[in-house]
Amino acid sequence: MLQDIADGIQKGLNGKSFDGSLKFDCGEAGVIVLADNQATTQDQEADCTIRISQDNLTKLLTGKLNPMTGVAMGKLKISGNMGVAMKLGQLLG
């Protein structure tokens, strides 16, 4: 399932540039790492980590979960470089 999400993110990255690295940590379900304009399910160090459930990650990527609301409600936790997390919003928008 996470591989399907990673593939969707990869399609969205085509033609766009994303500086830095970002990890979506979905706990037991695994991780998705965005680095070097690639989306992978291979775990690695990242500039910024977003801890989020797989269900909420899907909602975030489809626009059904606002990132700021998600943070305020505790549905996602951001650690590391906040600037990288902010770039994600521009990428998804």
PDB file of N, CA and C in Angstrom:
ATOM      1  N   MET A   1       0.824  -1.210   0.000  1.00  0.00           N
ATOM      2  CA  MET A   1       0.000   0.000   0.000  1.00  0.00           C
ATOM      3  C   MET A   1       0.858   1.261   0.000  1.00  0.00           C
ATOM      4  N   LEU A   2       1.894   1.297   0.855  1.00  0.00           N
ATOM      5  CA  LEU A   2       2.764   2.474   0.862  1.00  0.00           C
ATOM      6  C   LEU A   2       3.472   2.629  -0.475  1.00  0.00           C
ATOM      7  N   GLN A   3       3.785   1.510  -1.135  1.00  0.00           N
ATOM      8  CA  GLN A   3       4.442   1.599  -2.442  1.00  0.00           C
ATOM      9  C   GLN A   3       3.528   2.304  -3.441  1.00  0.00           C
ATOM     10  N   ASP A   4       2.224   2.033  -3.376  1.00  0.00           N
ATOM     11  CA  ASP A   4       1.269   2.716  -4.261  1.00  0.00           C
ATOM     12  C   ASP A   4       1.267   4.219  -4.002  1.00  0.00           C
ATOM     13  N   ILE A   5       1.309   4.595  -2.717  1.00  0.00           N
ATOM     14  CA  ILE A   5       1.345   6.018  -2.361  1.00  0.00           C
ATOM     15  C   ILE A   5       2.642   6.646  -2.865  1.00  0.00           C
ATOM     16  N   ALA A   6       3.771   5.931  -2.672  1.00  0.00           N
ATOM     17  CA  ALA A   6       5.073   6.431  -3.136  1.00  0.00           C
ATOM     18  C   ALA A   6       5.063   6.621  -4.654  1.00  0.00           C
ATOM     19  N   ASP A   7       4.449   5.671  -5.371  1.00  0.00           N
ATOM     20  CA  ASP A   7       4.367   5.785  -6.828  1.00  0.00           C
ATOM     21  C   ASP A   7       3.560   7.015  -7.230  1.00  0.00           C
ATOM     22  N   GLY A   8       2.479   7.285  -6.499  1.00  0.00           N
ATOM     23  CA  GLY A   8       1.671   8.474  -6.769  1.00  0.00           C
ATOM     24  C   GLY A   8       2.444   9.757  -6.514  1.00  0.00           C
ATOM     25  N   ILE A   9       3.218   9.766  -5.428  1.00  0.00           N
ATOM     26  CA  ILE A   9       4.050  10.942  -5.123  1.00  0.00           C
ATOM     27  C   ILE A   9       5.087  11.126  -6.225  1.00  0.00           C
ATOM     28  N   GLN A  10       5.672  10.007  -6.670  1.00  0.00           N
ATOM     29  CA  GLN A  10       6.679  10.072  -7.731  1.00  0.00           C
ATOM     30  C   GLN A  10       6.105  10.708  -8.988  1.00  0.00           C
ATOM     31  N   LYS A  11       4.884  10.337  -9.354  1.00  0.00           N
ATOM     32  CA  LYS A  11       4.233  10.934 -10.529  1.00  0.00           C
ATOM     33  C   LYS A  11       4.068  12.437 -10.331  1.00  0.00           C
ATOM     34  N   GLY A  12       3.705  12.832  -9.104  1.00  0.00           N
ATOM     35  CA  GLY A  12       3.532  14.246  -8.803  1.00  0.00           C
ATOM     36  C   GLY A  12       4.839  15.026  -8.830  1.00  0.00           C
ATOM     37  N   LEU A  13       5.958  14.336  -8.610  1.00  0.00           N
ATOM     38  CA  LEU A  13       7.262  14.995  -8.602  1.00  0.00           C
ATOM     39  C   LEU A  13       7.784  15.274 -10.012  1.00  0.00           C
ATOM     40  N   ASN A  14       7.283  14.536 -10.987  1.00  0.00           N
ATOM     41  CA  ASN A  14       7.783  14.688 -12.349  1.00  0.00           C
ATOM     42  C   ASN A  14       7.649  16.132 -12.809  1.00  0.00           C
ATOM     43  N   GLY A  15       8.758  16.691 -13.252  1.00  0.00           N
ATOM     44  CA  GLY A  15       8.766  18.061 -13.731  1.00  0.00           C
ATOM     45  C   GLY A  15       8.873  19.097 -12.624  1.00  0.00           C
ATOM     46  N   LYS A  16       8.929  18.657 -11.372  1.00  0.00           N
ATOM     47  CA  LYS A  16       9.065  19.590 -10.251  1.00  0.00           C
ATOM     48  C   LYS A  16      10.369  19.291  -9.519  1.00  0.00           C
ATOM     49  N   SER A  17      10.866  20.281  -8.816  1.00  0.00           N
ATOM     50  CA  SER A  17      12.091  20.055  -8.061  1.00  0.00           C
ATOM     51  C   SER A  17      11.804  20.202  -6.578  1.00  0.00           C
ATOM     52  N   PHE A  18      12.369  19.288  -5.805  1.00  0.00           N
ATOM     53  CA  PHE A  18      12.179  19.299  -4.352  1.00  0.00           C
ATOM     54  C   PHE A  18      13.553  19.258  -3.708  1.00  0.00           C
ATOM     55  N   ASP A  19      13.935  20.379  -3.058  1.00  0.00           N
ATOM     56  CA  ASP A  19      15.234  20.443  -2.396  1.00  0.00           C
ATOM     57  C   ASP A  19      15.114  19.909  -0.984  1.00  0.00           C
ATOM     58  N   GLY A  20      16.104  19.144  -0.560  1.00  0.00           N
ATOM     59  CA  GLY A  20      16.088  18.577   0.780  1.00  0.00           C
ATOM     60  C   GLY A  20      15.522  17.176   0.750  1.00  0.00           C
ATOM     61  N   SER A  21      15.368  16.605   1.931  1.00  0.00           N
ATOM     62  CA  SER A  21      14.793  15.254   2.013  1.00  0.00           C
ATOM     63  C   SER A  21      13.740  15.230   3.107  1.00  0.00           C
ATOM     64  N   LEU A  22      12.724  14.438   2.876  1.00  0.00           N
ATOM     65  CA  LEU A  22      11.570  14.387   3.766  1.00  0.00           C
ATOM     66  C   LEU A  22      11.144  12.943   3.936  1.00  0.00           C
ATOM     67  N   LYS A  23      10.865  12.554   5.176  1.00  0.00           N
ATOM     68  CA  LYS A  23      10.423  11.190   5.439  1.00  0.00           C
ATOM     69  C   LYS A  23       9.038  11.208   6.063  1.00  0.00           C
ATOM     70  N   PHE A  24       8.130  10.418   5.477  1.00  0.00           N
ATOM     71  CA  PHE A  24       6.835  10.150   6.095  1.00  0.00           C
ATOM     72  C   PHE A  24       6.998   8.849   6.859  1.00  0.00           C
ATOM     73  N   ASP A  25       6.926   8.920   8.171  1.00  0.00           N
ATOM     74  CA  ASP A  25       7.059   7.730   9.016  1.00  0.00           C
ATOM     75  C   ASP A  25       5.665   7.270   9.411  1.00  0.00           C
ATOM     76  N   CYS A  26       5.231   6.150   8.833  1.00  0.00           N
ATOM     77  CA  CYS A  26       3.894   5.619   9.097  1.00  0.00           C
ATOM     78  C   CYS A  26       3.946   4.461  10.092  1.00  0.00           C
ATOM     79  N   GLY A  27       4.960   4.453  10.942  1.00  0.00           N
ATOM     80  CA  GLY A  27       5.066   3.435  11.980  1.00  0.00           C
ATOM     81  C   GLY A  27       5.214   2.038  11.410  1.00  0.00           C
ATOM     82  N   GLU A  28       4.361   1.132  11.869  1.00  0.00           N
ATOM     83  CA  GLU A  28       4.425  -0.286  11.447  1.00  0.00           C
ATOM     84  C   GLU A  28       4.246  -0.450   9.938  1.00  0.00           C
ATOM     85  N   ALA A  29       3.514   0.467   9.315  1.00  0.00           N
ATOM     86  CA  ALA A  29       3.239   0.356   7.877  1.00  0.00           C
ATOM     87  C   ALA A  29       4.486   0.611   7.037  1.00  0.00           C
ATOM     88  N   GLY A  30       5.462   1.345   7.587  1.00  0.00           N
ATOM     89  CA  GLY A  30       6.699   1.642   6.866  1.00  0.00           C
ATOM     90  C   GLY A  30       6.902   3.129   6.670  1.00  0.00           C
ATOM     91  N   VAL A  31       7.776   3.468   5.731  1.00  0.00           N
ATOM     92  CA  VAL A  31       8.126   4.871   5.484  1.00  0.00           C
ATOM     93  C   VAL A  31       8.076   5.165   3.985  1.00  0.00           C
ATOM     94  N   ILE A  32       7.933   6.444   3.693  1.00  0.00           N
ATOM     95  CA  ILE A  32       8.142   6.950   2.333  1.00  0.00           C
ATOM     96  C   ILE A  32       9.135   8.092   2.475  1.00  0.00           C
ATOM     97  N   VAL A  33      10.214   8.041   1.699  1.00  0.00           N
ATOM     98  CA  VAL A  33      11.238   9.075   1.758  1.00  0.00           C
ATOM     99  C   VAL A  33      11.298   9.796   0.421  1.00  0.00           C
ATOM    100  N   LEU A  34      11.226  11.123   0.468  1.00  0.00           N
ATOM    101  CA  LEU A  34      11.417  11.961  -0.716  1.00  0.00           C
ATOM    102  C   LEU A  34      12.818  12.533  -0.634  1.00  0.00           C
ATOM    103  N   ALA A  35      13.659  12.181  -1.591  1.00  0.00           N
ATOM    104  CA  ALA A  35      15.025  12.697  -1.642  1.00  0.00           C
ATOM    105  C   ALA A  35      15.509  12.628  -3.085  1.00  0.00           C
ATOM    106  N   ASP A  36      16.250  13.634  -3.505  1.00  0.00           N
ATOM    107  CA  ASP A  36      16.790  13.671  -4.867  1.00  0.00           C
ATOM    108  C   ASP A  36      15.696  13.470  -5.922  1.00  0.00           C
ATOM    109  N   ASN A  37      14.549  14.119  -5.699  1.00  0.00           N
ATOM    110  CA  ASN A  37      13.398  14.024  -6.616  1.00  0.00           C
ATOM    111  C   ASN A  37      12.931  12.591  -6.842  1.00  0.00           C
ATOM    112  N   GLN A  38      13.114  11.749  -5.840  1.00  0.00           N
ATOM    113  CA  GLN A  38      12.657  10.357  -5.891  1.00  0.00           C
ATOM    114  C   GLN A  38      11.811  10.079  -4.658  1.00  0.00           C
ATOM    115  N   ALA A  39      10.779   9.269  -4.827  1.00  0.00           N
ATOM    116  CA  ALA A  39       9.970   8.803  -3.700  1.00  0.00           C
ATOM    117  C   ALA A  39      10.242   7.314  -3.546  1.00  0.00           C
ATOM    118  N   THR A  40      10.692   6.908  -2.363  1.00  0.00           N
ATOM    119  CA  THR A  40      11.049   5.518  -2.139  1.00  0.00           C
ATOM    120  C   THR A  40      10.514   5.036  -0.795  1.00  0.00           C
ATOM    121  N   THR A  41      10.360   3.737  -0.663  1.00  0.00           N
ATOM    122  CA  THR A  41       9.932   3.165   0.612  1.00  0.00           C
ATOM    123  C   THR A  41      11.130   2.623   1.389  1.00  0.00           C
ATOM    124  N   GLN A  42      12.346   2.949   0.914  1.00  0.00           N
ATOM    125  CA  GLN A  42      13.570   2.545   1.615  1.00  0.00           C
ATOM    126  C   GLN A  42      13.854   3.561   2.719  1.00  0.00           C
ATOM    127  N   ASP A  43      13.983   3.070   3.946  1.00  0.00           N
ATOM    128  CA  ASP A  43      14.225   3.973   5.078  1.00  0.00           C
ATOM    129  C   ASP A  43      15.630   4.548   5.008  1.00  0.00           C
ATOM    130  N   GLN A  44      15.739   5.843   5.252  1.00  0.00           N
ATOM    131  CA  GLN A  44      17.027   6.529   5.292  1.00  0.00           C
ATOM    132  C   GLN A  44      16.875   7.810   6.092  1.00  0.00           C
ATOM    133  N   GLU A  45      18.001   8.402   6.445  1.00  0.00           N
ATOM    134  CA  GLU A  45      17.978   9.669   7.169  1.00  0.00           C
ATOM    135  C   GLU A  45      17.368  10.741   6.270  1.00  0.00           C
ATOM    136  N   ALA A  46      16.668  11.694   6.899  1.00  0.00           N
ATOM    137  CA  ALA A  46      16.049  12.780   6.132  1.00  0.00           C
ATOM    138  C   ALA A  46      16.173  14.080   6.923  1.00  0.00           C
ATOM    139  N   ASP A  47      16.114  15.206   6.207  1.00  0.00           N
ATOM    140  CA  ASP A  47      16.189  16.528   6.848  1.00  0.00           C
ATOM    141  C   ASP A  47      14.988  16.769   7.755  1.00  0.00           C
ATOM    142  N   CYS A  48      13.854  16.206   7.377  1.00  0.00           N
ATOM    143  CA  CYS A  48      12.610  16.414   8.105  1.00  0.00           C
ATOM    144  C   CYS A  48      11.823  15.106   8.143  1.00  0.00           C
ATOM    145  N   THR A  49      11.245  14.801   9.288  1.00  0.00           N
ATOM    146  CA  THR A  49      10.427  13.598   9.418  1.00  0.00           C
ATOM    147  C   THR A  49       9.019  13.991   9.838  1.00  0.00           C
ATOM    148  N   ILE A  50       8.042  13.435   9.151  1.00  0.00           N
ATOM    149  CA  ILE A  50       6.640  13.638   9.497  1.00  0.00           C
ATOM    150  C   ILE A  50       6.083  12.293   9.938  1.00  0.00           C
ATOM    151  N   ARG A  51       5.698  12.205  11.213  1.00  0.00           N
ATOM    152  CA  ARG A  51       5.082  10.983  11.729  1.00  0.00           C
ATOM    153  C   ARG A  51       3.579  11.095  11.530  1.00  0.00           C
ATOM    154  N   ILE A  52       3.025  10.137  10.799  1.00  0.00           N
ATOM    155  CA  ILE A  52       1.624  10.212  10.403  1.00  0.00           C
ATOM    156  C   ILE A  52       1.125   8.799  10.111  1.00  0.00           C
ATOM    157  N   SER A  53      -0.150   8.549  10.363  1.00  0.00           N
ATOM    158  CA  SER A  53      -0.694   7.227  10.028  1.00  0.00           C
ATOM    159  C   SER A  53      -0.858   7.131   8.510  1.00  0.00           C
ATOM    160  N   GLN A  54      -0.882   5.913   8.018  1.00  0.00           N
ATOM    161  CA  GLN A  54      -1.035   5.714   6.573  1.00  0.00           C
ATOM    162  C   GLN A  54      -2.351   6.314   6.086  1.00  0.00           C
ATOM    163  N   ASP A  55      -3.402   6.149   6.860  1.00  0.00           N
ATOM    164  CA  ASP A  55      -4.715   6.692   6.505  1.00  0.00           C
ATOM    165  C   ASP A  55      -4.660   8.218   6.411  1.00  0.00           C
ATOM    166  N   ASN A  56      -4.042   8.859   7.421  1.00  0.00           N
ATOM    167  CA  ASN A  56      -3.948  10.321   7.403  1.00  0.00           C
ATOM    168  C   ASN A  56      -2.995  10.816   6.319  1.00  0.00           C
ATOM    169  N   LEU A  57      -1.976  10.021   5.973  1.00  0.00           N
ATOM    170  CA  LEU A  57      -1.081  10.397   4.879  1.00  0.00           C
ATOM    171  C   LEU A  57      -1.872  10.456   3.575  1.00  0.00           C
ATOM    172  N   THR A  58      -2.711   9.466   3.346  1.00  0.00           N
ATOM    173  CA  THR A  58      -3.550   9.462   2.145  1.00  0.00           C
ATOM    174  C   THR A  58      -4.439  10.697   2.124  1.00  0.00           C
ATOM    175  N   LYS A  59      -5.038  11.032   3.271  1.00  0.00           N
ATOM    176  CA  LYS A  59      -5.898  12.222   3.353  1.00  0.00           C
ATOM    177  C   LYS A  59      -5.098  13.494   3.082  1.00  0.00           C
ATOM    178  N   LEU A  60      -3.866  13.559   3.634  1.00  0.00           N
ATOM    179  CA  LEU A  60      -3.009  14.727   3.442  1.00  0.00           C
ATOM    180  C   LEU A  60      -2.687  14.911   1.957  1.00  0.00           C
ATOM    181  N   LEU A  61      -2.324  13.827   1.289  1.00  0.00           N
ATOM    182  CA  LEU A  61      -1.910  13.911  -0.107  1.00  0.00           C
ATOM    183  C   LEU A  61      -3.065  14.153  -1.062  1.00  0.00           C
ATOM    184  N   THR A  62      -4.285  13.813  -0.638  1.00  0.00           N
ATOM    185  CA  THR A  62      -5.450  14.044  -1.500  1.00  0.00           C
ATOM    186  C   THR A  62      -6.171  15.346  -1.161  1.00  0.00           C
ATOM    187  N   GLY A  63      -5.617  16.108  -0.210  1.00  0.00           N
ATOM    188  CA  GLY A  63      -6.210  17.396   0.135  1.00  0.00           C
ATOM    189  C   GLY A  63      -7.349  17.315   1.122  1.00  0.00           C
ATOM    190  N   LYS A  64      -7.607  16.131   1.692  1.00  0.00           N
ATOM    191  CA  LYS A  64      -8.702  15.980   2.655  1.00  0.00           C
ATOM    192  C   LYS A  64      -8.259  16.293   4.081  1.00  0.00           C
ATOM    193  N   LEU A  65      -6.943  16.448   4.274  1.00  0.00           N
ATOM    194  CA  LEU A  65      -6.411  16.826   5.588  1.00  0.00           C
ATOM    195  C   LEU A  65      -5.490  18.016   5.402  1.00  0.00           C
ATOM    196  N   ASN A  66      -5.861  19.143   6.001  1.00  0.00           N
ATOM    197  CA  ASN A  66      -5.023  20.333   5.960  1.00  0.00           C
ATOM    198  C   ASN A  66      -3.817  20.105   6.879  1.00  0.00           C
ATOM    199  N   PRO A  67      -2.583  20.371   6.384  1.00  0.00           N
ATOM    200  CA  PRO A  67      -1.398  20.120   7.214  1.00  0.00           C
ATOM    201  C   PRO A  67      -1.419  20.852   8.558  1.00  0.00           C
ATOM    202  N   MET A  68      -1.827  22.106   8.563  1.00  0.00           N
ATOM    203  CA  MET A  68      -1.844  22.879   9.816  1.00  0.00           C
ATOM    204  C   MET A  68      -2.876  22.309  10.789  1.00  0.00           C
ATOM    205  N   THR A  69      -4.036  21.953  10.263  1.00  0.00           N
ATOM    206  CA  THR A  69      -5.070  21.342  11.097  1.00  0.00           C
ATOM    207  C   THR A  69      -4.578  20.012  11.641  1.00  0.00           C
ATOM    208  N   GLY A  70      -3.907  19.248  10.786  1.00  0.00           N
ATOM    209  CA  GLY A  70      -3.365  17.953  11.195  1.00  0.00           C
ATOM    210  C   GLY A  70      -2.392  18.075  12.347  1.00  0.00           C
ATOM    211  N   VAL A  71      -1.513  19.072  12.281  1.00  0.00           N
ATOM    212  CA  VAL A  71      -0.551  19.309  13.368  1.00  0.00           C
ATOM    213  C   VAL A  71      -1.300  19.712  14.635  1.00  0.00           C
ATOM    214  N   ALA A  72      -2.252  20.643  14.493  1.00  0.00           N
ATOM    215  CA  ALA A  72      -2.996  21.141  15.652  1.00  0.00           C
ATOM    216  C   ALA A  72      -3.789  20.023  16.332  1.00  0.00           C
ATOM    217  N   MET A  73      -4.293  19.075  15.541  1.00  0.00           N
ATOM    218  CA  MET A  73      -5.098  17.982  16.085  1.00  0.00           C
ATOM    219  C   MET A  73      -4.252  16.779  16.497  1.00  0.00           C
ATOM    220  N   GLY A  74      -2.935  16.884  16.283  1.00  0.00           N
ATOM    221  CA  GLY A  74      -2.050  15.788  16.665  1.00  0.00           C
ATOM    222  C   GLY A  74      -2.068  14.615  15.700  1.00  0.00           C
ATOM    223  N   LYS A  75      -2.604  14.826  14.497  1.00  0.00           N
ATOM    224  CA  LYS A  75      -2.656  13.738  13.521  1.00  0.00           C
ATOM    225  C   LYS A  75      -1.322  13.552  12.806  1.00  0.00           C
ATOM    226  N   LEU A  76      -0.473  14.568  12.870  1.00  0.00           N
ATOM    227  CA  LEU A  76       0.874  14.430  12.334  1.00  0.00           C
ATOM    228  C   LEU A  76       1.835  15.229  13.186  1.00  0.00           C
ATOM    229  N   LYS A  77       3.043  14.698  13.299  1.00  0.00           N
ATOM    230  CA  LYS A  77       4.084  15.349  14.099  1.00  0.00           C
ATOM    231  C   LYS A  77       5.288  15.570  13.197  1.00  0.00           C
ATOM    232  N   ILE A  78       5.805  16.797  13.221  1.00  0.00           N
ATOM    233  CA  ILE A  78       6.927  17.159  12.361  1.00  0.00           C
ATOM    234  C   ILE A  78       8.165  17.361  13.224  1.00  0.00           C
ATOM    235  N   SER A  79       9.274  16.746  12.809  1.00  0.00           N
ATOM    236  CA  SER A  79      10.542  16.971  13.498  1.00  0.00           C
ATOM    237  C   SER A  79      11.619  17.236  12.451  1.00  0.00           C
ATOM    238  N   GLY A  80      12.642  17.963  12.854  1.00  0.00           N
ATOM    239  CA  GLY A  80      13.718  18.299  11.921  1.00  0.00           C
ATOM    240  C   GLY A  80      13.499  19.665  11.294  1.00  0.00           C
ATOM    241  N   ASN A  81      13.916  19.812  10.054  1.00  0.00           N
ATOM    242  CA  ASN A  81      13.897  21.080   9.337  1.00  0.00           C
ATOM    243  C   ASN A  81      12.486  21.432   8.873  1.00  0.00           C
ATOM    244  N   MET A  82      11.884  22.416   9.550  1.00  0.00           N
ATOM    245  CA  MET A  82      10.520  22.825   9.211  1.00  0.00           C
ATOM    246  C   MET A  82      10.432  23.441   7.810  1.00  0.00           C
ATOM    247  N   GLY A  83      11.517  24.037   7.343  1.00  0.00           N
ATOM    248  CA  GLY A  83      11.531  24.631   6.003  1.00  0.00           C
ATOM    249  C   GLY A  83      11.260  23.594   4.934  1.00  0.00           C
ATOM    250  N   VAL A  84      11.781  22.376   5.129  1.00  0.00           N
ATOM    251  CA  VAL A  84      11.558  21.293   4.173  1.00  0.00           C
ATOM    252  C   VAL A  84      10.081  20.904   4.184  1.00  0.00           C
ATOM    253  N   ALA A  85       9.477  20.854   5.370  1.00  0.00           N
ATOM    254  CA  ALA A  85       8.063  20.529   5.477  1.00  0.00           C
ATOM    255  C   ALA A  85       7.213  21.578   4.760  1.00  0.00           C
ATOM    256  N   MET A  86       7.607  22.842   4.851  1.00  0.00           N
ATOM    257  CA  MET A  86       6.859  23.910   4.190  1.00  0.00           C
ATOM    258  C   MET A  86       6.931  23.761   2.668  1.00  0.00           C
ATOM    259  N   LYS A  87       8.086  23.301   2.150  1.00  0.00           N
ATOM    260  CA  LYS A  87       8.231  23.112   0.709  1.00  0.00           C
ATOM    261  C   LYS A  87       7.269  22.042   0.206  1.00  0.00           C
ATOM    262  N   LEU A  88       6.968  21.068   1.059  1.00  0.00           N
ATOM    263  CA  LEU A  88       6.046  20.004   0.665  1.00  0.00           C
ATOM    264  C   LEU A  88       4.689  20.584   0.301  1.00  0.00           C
ATOM    265  N   GLY A  89       4.237  21.565   1.074  1.00  0.00           N
ATOM    266  CA  GLY A  89       2.961  22.210   0.795  1.00  0.00           C
ATOM    267  C   GLY A  89       2.926  22.819  -0.601  1.00  0.00           C
ATOM    268  N   GLN A  90       4.023  23.455  -1.008  1.00  0.00           N
ATOM    269  CA  GLN A  90       4.106  24.045  -2.339  1.00  0.00           C
ATOM    270  C   GLN A  90       4.108  22.961  -3.394  1.00  0.00           C
ATOM    271  N   LEU A  91       4.754  21.849  -3.094  1.00  0.00           N
ATOM    272  CA  LEU A  91       4.839  20.747  -4.042  1.00  0.00           C
ATOM    273  C   LEU A  91       3.471  20.110  -4.261  1.00  0.00           C
ATOM    274  N   LEU A  92       2.728  19.939  -3.170  1.00  0.00           N
ATOM    275  CA  LEU A  92       1.410  19.310  -3.252  1.00  0.00           C
ATOM    276  C   LEU A  92       0.372  20.254  -3.840  1.00  0.00           C
ATOM    277  N   GLY A  93       0.568  21.559  -3.593  1.00  0.00           N
ATOM    278  CA  GLY A  93      -0.397  22.533  -4.056  1.00  0.00           C
ATOM    279  C   GLY A  93      -0.349  22.690  -5.530  1.00  0.00           C
TER     280      GLY A  93
END
